[in-house]
């Protein structure tokens, strides 16, 4: 496999939300709901196709105190890793 995303090591995660095809604010709302059911320190992976999601998840992490561990773009999708505060 080649390309910039192939060598990027993805963090491990406990739960995943696939928000593909959804536009703001739905990916954020789905992530918020999932995080509320997770234990502190667990990591949520969110998959999005909304072009604004990269910026939206950065703002969401700042506002909520959850840690944005990593963001990647893979095959036109955003992949966001959030650690529950």
PDB file of N, CA and C in Angstrom:
ATOM      1  N   UNK A   1       0.848  -1.190   0.000  1.00  0.00           N
ATOM      2  CA  UNK A   1       0.000   0.000   0.000  1.00  0.00           C
ATOM      3  C   UNK A   1       0.885   1.242   0.000  1.00  0.00           C
ATOM      4  N   UNK A   2       0.483   2.264  -0.707  1.00  0.00           N
ATOM      5  CA  UNK A   2       1.296   3.466  -0.747  1.00  0.00           C
ATOM      6  C   UNK A   2       0.429   4.689  -0.521  1.00  0.00           C
ATOM      7  N   UNK A   3       1.072   5.840  -0.411  1.00  0.00           N
ATOM      8  CA  UNK A   3       0.343   7.078  -0.180  1.00  0.00           C
ATOM      9  C   UNK A   3       0.579   7.579   1.232  1.00  0.00           C
ATOM     10  N   UNK A   4       0.214   8.825   1.491  1.00  0.00           N
ATOM     11  CA  UNK A   4       0.504   9.432   2.786  1.00  0.00           C
ATOM     12  C   UNK A   4      -0.248   8.779   3.939  1.00  0.00           C
ATOM     13  N   UNK A   5      -1.435   8.214   3.673  1.00  0.00           N
ATOM     14  CA  UNK A   5      -2.223   7.640   4.752  1.00  0.00           C
ATOM     15  C   UNK A   5      -1.821   6.205   5.072  1.00  0.00           C
ATOM     16  N   UNK A   6      -1.118   5.564   4.145  1.00  0.00           N
ATOM     17  CA  UNK A   6      -0.768   4.161   4.335  1.00  0.00           C
ATOM     18  C   UNK A   6       0.198   3.973   5.499  1.00  0.00           C
ATOM     19  N   UNK A   7       1.110   4.927   5.687  1.00  0.00           N
ATOM     20  CA  UNK A   7       2.118   4.782   6.734  1.00  0.00           C
ATOM     21  C   UNK A   7       1.641   5.339   8.075  1.00  0.00           C
ATOM     22  N   UNK A   8       0.551   6.082   8.065  1.00  0.00           N
ATOM     23  CA  UNK A   8       0.052   6.681   9.305  1.00  0.00           C
ATOM     24  C   UNK A   8      -0.532   5.585  10.194  1.00  0.00           C
ATOM     25  N   UNK A   9      -0.056   5.525  11.417  1.00  0.00           N
ATOM     26  CA  UNK A   9      -0.525   4.522  12.359  1.00  0.00           C
ATOM     27  C   UNK A   9      -1.815   5.006  13.010  1.00  0.00           C
ATOM     28  N   UNK A  10      -2.889   4.259  12.838  1.00  0.00           N
ATOM     29  CA  UNK A  10      -4.176   4.639  13.426  1.00  0.00           C
ATOM     30  C   UNK A  10      -4.201   4.236  14.899  1.00  0.00           C
ATOM     31  N   UNK A  11      -4.703   5.121  15.761  1.00  0.00           N
ATOM     32  CA  UNK A  11      -4.821   4.779  17.182  1.00  0.00           C
ATOM     33  C   UNK A  11      -5.819   3.633  17.377  1.00  0.00           C
ATOM     34  N   UNK A  12      -5.653   2.895  18.453  1.00  0.00           N
ATOM     35  CA  UNK A  12      -6.648   1.867  18.765  1.00  0.00           C
ATOM     36  C   UNK A  12      -7.887   2.562  19.324  1.00  0.00           C
ATOM     37  N   UNK A  13      -9.037   1.903  19.219  1.00  0.00           N
ATOM     38  CA  UNK A  13     -10.285   2.517  19.669  1.00  0.00           C
ATOM     39  C   UNK A  13     -11.224   1.457  20.216  1.00  0.00           C
ATOM     40  N   UNK A  14     -12.118   1.895  21.090  1.00  0.00           N
ATOM     41  CA  UNK A  14     -13.071   0.980  21.715  1.00  0.00           C
ATOM     42  C   UNK A  14     -14.427   0.958  21.002  1.00  0.00           C
ATOM     43  N   UNK A  15     -14.781   2.065  20.362  1.00  0.00           N
ATOM     44  CA  UNK A  15     -16.098   2.164  19.735  1.00  0.00           C
ATOM     45  C   UNK A  15     -15.981   2.959  18.448  1.00  0.00           C
ATOM     46  N   UNK A  16     -16.911   2.713  17.514  1.00  0.00           N
ATOM     47  CA  UNK A  16     -16.876   3.402  16.230  1.00  0.00           C
ATOM     48  C   UNK A  16     -18.260   3.913  15.855  1.00  0.00           C
ATOM     49  N   UNK A  17     -18.298   5.099  15.258  1.00  0.00           N
ATOM     50  CA  UNK A  17     -19.523   5.657  14.696  1.00  0.00           C
ATOM     51  C   UNK A  17     -19.248   5.923  13.221  1.00  0.00           C
ATOM     52  N   UNK A  18     -20.060   5.340  12.350  1.00  0.00           N
ATOM     53  CA  UNK A  18     -19.936   5.609  10.916  1.00  0.00           C
ATOM     54  C   UNK A  18     -20.978   6.655  10.548  1.00  0.00           C
ATOM     55  N   UNK A  19     -20.516   7.886  10.357  1.00  0.00           N
ATOM     56  CA  UNK A  19     -21.409   9.000  10.009  1.00  0.00           C
ATOM     57  C   UNK A  19     -21.270   9.363   8.531  1.00  0.00           C
ATOM     58  N   UNK A  20     -20.856   8.399   7.718  1.00  0.00           N
ATOM     59  CA  UNK A  20     -20.720   8.627   6.279  1.00  0.00           C
ATOM     60  C   UNK A  20     -22.056   9.046   5.685  1.00  0.00           C
ATOM     61  N   UNK A  21     -22.013  10.047   4.824  1.00  0.00           N
ATOM     62  CA  UNK A  21     -23.217  10.516   4.160  1.00  0.00           C
ATOM     63  C   UNK A  21     -24.008  11.530   4.968  1.00  0.00           C
ATOM     64  N   UNK A  22     -23.641  11.744   6.207  1.00  0.00           N
ATOM     65  CA  UNK A  22     -24.339  12.705   7.054  1.00  0.00           C
ATOM     66  C   UNK A  22     -23.608  14.044   7.030  1.00  0.00           C
ATOM     67  N   UNK A  23     -24.367  15.131   7.133  1.00  0.00           N
ATOM     68  CA  UNK A  23     -23.755  16.454   7.180  1.00  0.00           C
ATOM     69  C   UNK A  23     -23.953  17.051   8.568  1.00  0.00           C
ATOM     70  N   UNK A  24     -23.153  18.066   8.844  1.00  0.00           N
ATOM     71  CA  UNK A  24     -23.198  18.750  10.132  1.00  0.00           C
ATOM     72  C   UNK A  24     -24.619  19.227  10.409  1.00  0.00           C
ATOM     73  N   UNK A  25     -25.117  19.064  11.604  1.00  0.00           N
ATOM     74  CA  UNK A  25     -24.413  18.673  12.831  1.00  0.00           C
ATOM     75  C   UNK A  25     -24.521  17.187  13.183  1.00  0.00           C
ATOM     76  N   UNK A  26     -25.072  16.364  12.291  1.00  0.00           N
ATOM     77  CA  UNK A  26     -25.325  14.963  12.645  1.00  0.00           C
ATOM     78  C   UNK A  26     -24.085  14.163  13.057  1.00  0.00           C
ATOM     79  N   UNK A  27     -22.935  14.261  12.360  1.00  0.00           N
ATOM     80  CA  UNK A  27     -21.767  13.502  12.833  1.00  0.00           C
ATOM     81  C   UNK A  27     -21.360  13.875  14.259  1.00  0.00           C
ATOM     82  N   UNK A  28     -21.414  15.161  14.589  1.00  0.00           N
ATOM     83  CA  UNK A  28     -21.074  15.620  15.939  1.00  0.00           C
ATOM     84  C   UNK A  28     -22.082  15.079  16.955  1.00  0.00           C
ATOM     85  N   UNK A  29     -23.363  15.132  16.615  1.00  0.00           N
ATOM     86  CA  UNK A  29     -24.388  14.636  17.538  1.00  0.00           C
ATOM     87  C   UNK A  29     -24.246  13.138  17.786  1.00  0.00           C
ATOM     88  N   UNK A  30     -23.930  12.376  16.740  1.00  0.00           N
ATOM     89  CA  UNK A  30     -23.727  10.924  16.897  1.00  0.00           C
ATOM     90  C   UNK A  30     -22.504  10.649  17.764  1.00  0.00           C
ATOM     91  N   UNK A  31     -21.447  11.431  17.557  1.00  0.00           N
ATOM     92  CA  UNK A  31     -20.235  11.264  18.361  1.00  0.00           C
ATOM     93  C   UNK A  31     -20.512  11.605  19.821  1.00  0.00           C
ATOM     94  N   UNK A  32     -21.237  12.686  20.046  1.00  0.00           N
ATOM     95  CA  UNK A  32     -21.555  13.119  21.407  1.00  0.00           C
ATOM     96  C   UNK A  32     -22.348  12.041  22.145  1.00  0.00           C
ATOM     97  N   UNK A  33     -23.324  11.451  21.469  1.00  0.00           N
ATOM     98  CA  UNK A  33     -24.146  10.394  22.062  1.00  0.00           C
ATOM     99  C   UNK A  33     -23.288   9.166  22.404  1.00  0.00           C
ATOM    100  N   UNK A  34     -22.408   8.782  21.495  1.00  0.00           N
ATOM    101  CA  UNK A  34     -21.548   7.613  21.731  1.00  0.00           C
ATOM    102  C   UNK A  34     -20.582   7.874  22.890  1.00  0.00           C
ATOM    103  N   UNK A  35     -19.980   9.062  22.913  1.00  0.00           N
ATOM    104  CA  UNK A  35     -19.034   9.396  23.985  1.00  0.00           C
ATOM    105  C   UNK A  35     -19.705   9.371  25.350  1.00  0.00           C
ATOM    106  N   UNK A  36     -20.964   9.769  25.407  1.00  0.00           N
ATOM    107  CA  UNK A  36     -21.692   9.805  26.678  1.00  0.00           C
ATOM    108  C   UNK A  36     -21.846   8.409  27.279  1.00  0.00           C
ATOM    109  N   UNK A  37     -21.776   7.381  26.440  1.00  0.00           N
ATOM    110  CA  UNK A  37     -21.942   6.007  26.913  1.00  0.00           C
ATOM    111  C   UNK A  37     -20.605   5.305  27.147  1.00  0.00           C
ATOM    112  N   UNK A  38     -19.510   6.014  26.946  1.00  0.00           N
ATOM    113  CA  UNK A  38     -18.178   5.421  27.078  1.00  0.00           C
ATOM    114  C   UNK A  38     -17.531   5.814  28.400  1.00  0.00           C
ATOM    115  N   UNK A  39     -16.555   5.023  28.813  1.00  0.00           N
ATOM    116  CA  UNK A  39     -15.814   5.317  30.035  1.00  0.00           C
ATOM    117  C   UNK A  39     -14.725   6.347  29.744  1.00  0.00           C
ATOM    118  N   UNK A  40     -14.336   7.078  30.777  1.00  0.00           N
ATOM    119  CA  UNK A  40     -13.264   8.061  30.650  1.00  0.00           C
ATOM    120  C   UNK A  40     -11.992   7.377  30.149  1.00  0.00           C
ATOM    121  N   UNK A  41     -11.348   7.997  29.157  1.00  0.00           N
ATOM    122  CA  UNK A  41     -10.100   7.456  28.616  1.00  0.00           C
ATOM    123  C   UNK A  41     -10.289   6.560  27.408  1.00  0.00           C
ATOM    124  N   UNK A  42     -11.514   6.108  27.143  1.00  0.00           N
ATOM    125  CA  UNK A  42     -11.759   5.272  25.973  1.00  0.00           C
ATOM    126  C   UNK A  42     -11.753   6.131  24.718  1.00  0.00           C
ATOM    127  N   UNK A  43     -11.454   5.508  23.579  1.00  0.00           N
ATOM    128  CA  UNK A  43     -11.324   6.232  22.316  1.00  0.00           C
ATOM    129  C   UNK A  43     -12.463   5.851  21.366  1.00  0.00           C
ATOM    130  N   UNK A  44     -13.052   6.877  20.764  1.00  0.00           N
ATOM    131  CA  UNK A  44     -14.113   6.716  19.774  1.00  0.00           C
ATOM    132  C   UNK A  44     -13.551   7.063  18.405  1.00  0.00           C
ATOM    133  N   UNK A  45     -13.813   6.192  17.421  1.00  0.00           N
ATOM    134  CA  UNK A  45     -13.433   6.483  16.032  1.00  0.00           C
ATOM    135  C   UNK A  45     -14.697   6.886  15.288  1.00  0.00           C
ATOM    136  N   UNK A  46     -14.647   8.035  14.606  1.00  0.00           N
ATOM    137  CA  UNK A  46     -15.797   8.527  13.837  1.00  0.00           C
ATOM    138  C   UNK A  46     -15.373   8.657  12.372  1.00  0.00           C
ATOM    139  N   UNK A  47     -16.172   8.085  11.483  1.00  0.00           N
ATOM    140  CA  UNK A  47     -15.903   8.159  10.046  1.00  0.00           C
ATOM    141  C   UNK A  47     -16.911   9.125   9.440  1.00  0.00           C
ATOM    142  N   UNK A  48     -16.418  10.101   8.668  1.00  0.00           N
ATOM    143  CA  UNK A  48     -17.287  11.117   8.076  1.00  0.00           C
ATOM    144  C   UNK A  48     -16.967  11.328   6.600  1.00  0.00           C
ATOM    145  N   UNK A  49     -17.934  11.853   5.879  1.00  0.00           N
ATOM    146  CA  UNK A  49     -17.711  12.254   4.487  1.00  0.00           C
ATOM    147  C   UNK A  49     -17.950  13.747   4.290  1.00  0.00           C
ATOM    148  N   UNK A  50     -18.449  14.430   5.312  1.00  0.00           N
ATOM    149  CA  UNK A  50     -18.699  15.875   5.245  1.00  0.00           C
ATOM    150  C   UNK A  50     -17.365  16.618   5.184  1.00  0.00           C
ATOM    151  N   UNK A  51     -17.214  17.486   4.203  1.00  0.00           N
ATOM    152  CA  UNK A  51     -15.957  18.230   4.023  1.00  0.00           C
ATOM    153  C   UNK A  51     -15.600  19.089   5.239  1.00  0.00           C
ATOM    154  N   UNK A  52     -16.591  19.558   5.971  1.00  0.00           N
ATOM    155  CA  UNK A  52     -16.340  20.432   7.115  1.00  0.00           C
ATOM    156  C   UNK A  52     -16.065  19.676   8.410  1.00  0.00           C
ATOM    157  N   UNK A  53     -16.140  18.366   8.371  1.00  0.00           N
ATOM    158  CA  UNK A  53     -16.028  17.572   9.604  1.00  0.00           C
ATOM    159  C   UNK A  53     -14.665  17.729  10.288  1.00  0.00           C
ATOM    160  N   UNK A  54     -13.588  17.865   9.518  1.00  0.00           N
ATOM    161  CA  UNK A  54     -12.260  18.012  10.131  1.00  0.00           C
ATOM    162  C   UNK A  54     -12.276  19.207  11.084  1.00  0.00           C
ATOM    163  N   UNK A  55     -12.721  20.335  10.589  1.00  0.00           N
ATOM    164  CA  UNK A  55     -12.789  21.555  11.393  1.00  0.00           C
ATOM    165  C   UNK A  55     -13.834  21.421  12.512  1.00  0.00           C
ATOM    166  N   UNK A  56     -14.979  20.814  12.196  1.00  0.00           N
ATOM    167  CA  UNK A  56     -16.043  20.647  13.187  1.00  0.00           C
ATOM    168  C   UNK A  56     -15.571  19.828  14.388  1.00  0.00           C
ATOM    169  N   UNK A  57     -14.845  18.742  14.136  1.00  0.00           N
ATOM    170  CA  UNK A  57     -14.389  17.900  15.241  1.00  0.00           C
ATOM    171  C   UNK A  57     -13.282  18.572  16.057  1.00  0.00           C
ATOM    172  N   UNK A  58     -12.489  19.427  15.417  1.00  0.00           N
ATOM    173  CA  UNK A  58     -11.490  20.194  16.172  1.00  0.00           C
ATOM    174  C   UNK A  58     -12.191  21.136  17.143  1.00  0.00           C
ATOM    175  N   UNK A  59     -13.226  21.821  16.677  1.00  0.00           N
ATOM    176  CA  UNK A  59     -13.989  22.735  17.537  1.00  0.00           C
ATOM    177  C   UNK A  59     -14.729  21.963  18.623  1.00  0.00           C
ATOM    178  N   UNK A  60     -15.310  20.827  18.267  1.00  0.00           N
ATOM    179  CA  UNK A  60     -16.041  19.995  19.230  1.00  0.00           C
ATOM    180  C   UNK A  60     -15.122  19.563  20.377  1.00  0.00           C
ATOM    181  N   UNK A  61     -13.909  19.143  20.043  1.00  0.00           N
ATOM    182  CA  UNK A  61     -12.956  18.703  21.073  1.00  0.00           C
ATOM    183  C   UNK A  61     -12.600  19.870  22.000  1.00  0.00           C
ATOM    184  N   UNK A  62     -12.338  21.046  21.428  1.00  0.00           N
ATOM    185  CA  UNK A  62     -12.020  22.228  22.243  1.00  0.00           C
ATOM    186  C   UNK A  62     -13.173  22.579  23.182  1.00  0.00           C
ATOM    187  N   UNK A  63     -14.384  22.528  22.676  1.00  0.00           N
ATOM    188  CA  UNK A  63     -15.555  22.946  23.454  1.00  0.00           C
ATOM    189  C   UNK A  63     -15.946  21.949  24.536  1.00  0.00           C
ATOM    190  N   UNK A  64     -15.694  20.659  24.316  1.00  0.00           N
ATOM    191  CA  UNK A  64     -16.179  19.636  25.244  1.00  0.00           C
ATOM    192  C   UNK A  64     -15.110  19.121  26.200  1.00  0.00           C
ATOM    193  N   UNK A  65     -13.838  19.387  25.896  1.00  0.00           N
ATOM    194  CA  UNK A  65     -12.767  18.880  26.754  1.00  0.00           C
ATOM    195  C   UNK A  65     -12.351  17.460  26.422  1.00  0.00           C
ATOM    196  N   UNK A  66     -12.980  16.843  25.419  1.00  0.00           N
ATOM    197  CA  UNK A  66     -12.523  15.540  24.947  1.00  0.00           C
ATOM    198  C   UNK A  66     -11.281  15.770  24.090  1.00  0.00           C
ATOM    199  N   UNK A  67     -10.374  14.806  24.073  1.00  0.00           N
ATOM    200  CA  UNK A  67      -9.117  14.965  23.342  1.00  0.00           C
ATOM    201  C   UNK A  67      -9.249  14.429  21.923  1.00  0.00           C
ATOM    202  N   UNK A  68      -8.883  15.245  20.950  1.00  0.00           N
ATOM    203  CA  UNK A  68      -8.829  14.793  19.569  1.00  0.00           C
ATOM    204  C   UNK A  68      -7.460  14.145  19.382  1.00  0.00           C
ATOM    205  N   UNK A  69      -7.433  12.828  19.429  1.00  0.00           N
ATOM    206  CA  UNK A  69      -6.173  12.081  19.399  1.00  0.00           C
ATOM    207  C   UNK A  69      -5.532  12.154  18.015  1.00  0.00           C
ATOM    208  N   UNK A  70      -6.354  12.003  16.970  1.00  0.00           N
ATOM    209  CA  UNK A  70      -5.828  12.014  15.603  1.00  0.00           C
ATOM    210  C   UNK A  70      -6.962  12.279  14.626  1.00  0.00           C
ATOM    211  N   UNK A  71      -6.584  12.792  13.458  1.00  0.00           N
ATOM    212  CA  UNK A  71      -7.508  12.932  12.333  1.00  0.00           C
ATOM    213  C   UNK A  71      -6.762  12.486  11.092  1.00  0.00           C
ATOM    214  N   UNK A  72      -7.438  11.721  10.256  1.00  0.00           N
ATOM    215  CA  UNK A  72      -6.820  11.238   9.026  1.00  0.00           C
ATOM    216  C   UNK A  72      -7.817  11.392   7.890  1.00  0.00           C
ATOM    217  N   UNK A  73      -7.291  11.506   6.689  1.00  0.00           N
ATOM    218  CA  UNK A  73      -8.147  11.452   5.511  1.00  0.00           C
ATOM    219  C   UNK A  73      -7.786  10.194   4.763  1.00  0.00           C
ATOM    220  N   UNK A  74      -8.765   9.323   4.582  1.00  0.00           N
ATOM    221  CA  UNK A  74      -8.553   8.046   3.913  1.00  0.00           C
ATOM    222  C   UNK A  74      -9.637   7.872   2.862  1.00  0.00           C
ATOM    223  N   UNK A  75      -9.225   7.774   1.602  1.00  0.00           N
ATOM    224  CA  UNK A  75     -10.169   7.567   0.501  1.00  0.00           C
ATOM    225  C   UNK A  75     -11.322   8.566   0.518  1.00  0.00           C
ATOM    226  N   UNK A  76     -11.014   9.847   0.766  1.00  0.00           N
ATOM    227  CA  UNK A  76     -12.031  10.890   0.737  1.00  0.00           C
ATOM    228  C   UNK A  76     -12.917  10.944   1.976  1.00  0.00           C
ATOM    229  N   UNK A  77     -12.592  10.155   2.971  1.00  0.00           N
ATOM    230  CA  UNK A  77     -13.348  10.163   4.222  1.00  0.00           C
ATOM    231  C   UNK A  77     -12.475  10.714   5.334  1.00  0.00           C
ATOM    232  N   UNK A  78     -13.111  11.413   6.256  1.00  0.00           N
ATOM    233  CA  UNK A  78     -12.402  11.861   7.450  1.00  0.00           C
ATOM    234  C   UNK A  78     -12.526  10.789   8.519  1.00  0.00           C
ATOM    235  N   UNK A  79     -11.436  10.503   9.191  1.00  0.00           N
ATOM    236  CA  UNK A  79     -11.456   9.555  10.307  1.00  0.00           C
ATOM    237  C   UNK A  79     -10.940  10.303  11.526  1.00  0.00           C
ATOM    238  N   UNK A  80     -11.763  10.392  12.547  1.00  0.00           N
ATOM    239  CA  UNK A  80     -11.486  11.199  13.731  1.00  0.00           C
ATOM    240  C   UNK A  80     -11.423  10.284  14.948  1.00  0.00           C
ATOM    241  N   UNK A  81     -10.434  10.475  15.802  1.00  0.00           N
ATOM    242  CA  UNK A  81     -10.281   9.675  17.010  1.00  0.00           C
ATOM    243  C   UNK A  81     -10.392  10.610  18.211  1.00  0.00           C
ATOM    244  N   UNK A  82     -11.408  10.397  19.027  1.00  0.00           N
ATOM    245  CA  UNK A  82     -11.660  11.237  20.203  1.00  0.00           C
ATOM    246  C   UNK A  82     -11.508  10.408  21.474  1.00  0.00           C
ATOM    247  N   UNK A  83     -10.724  10.922  22.425  1.00  0.00           N
ATOM    248  CA  UNK A  83     -10.602  10.257  23.730  1.00  0.00           C
ATOM    249  C   UNK A  83     -11.569  10.904  24.689  1.00  0.00           C
ATOM    250  N   UNK A  84     -12.398  10.074  25.324  1.00  0.00           N
ATOM    251  CA  UNK A  84     -13.394  10.562  26.292  1.00  0.00           C
ATOM    252  C   UNK A  84     -12.682  11.172  27.490  1.00  0.00           C
ATOM    253  N   UNK A  85     -13.114  12.380  27.872  1.00  0.00           N
ATOM    254  CA  UNK A  85     -12.487  13.060  29.001  1.00  0.00           C
ATOM    255  C   UNK A  85     -12.795  12.347  30.308  1.00  0.00           C
TER     256      UNK A  85
END
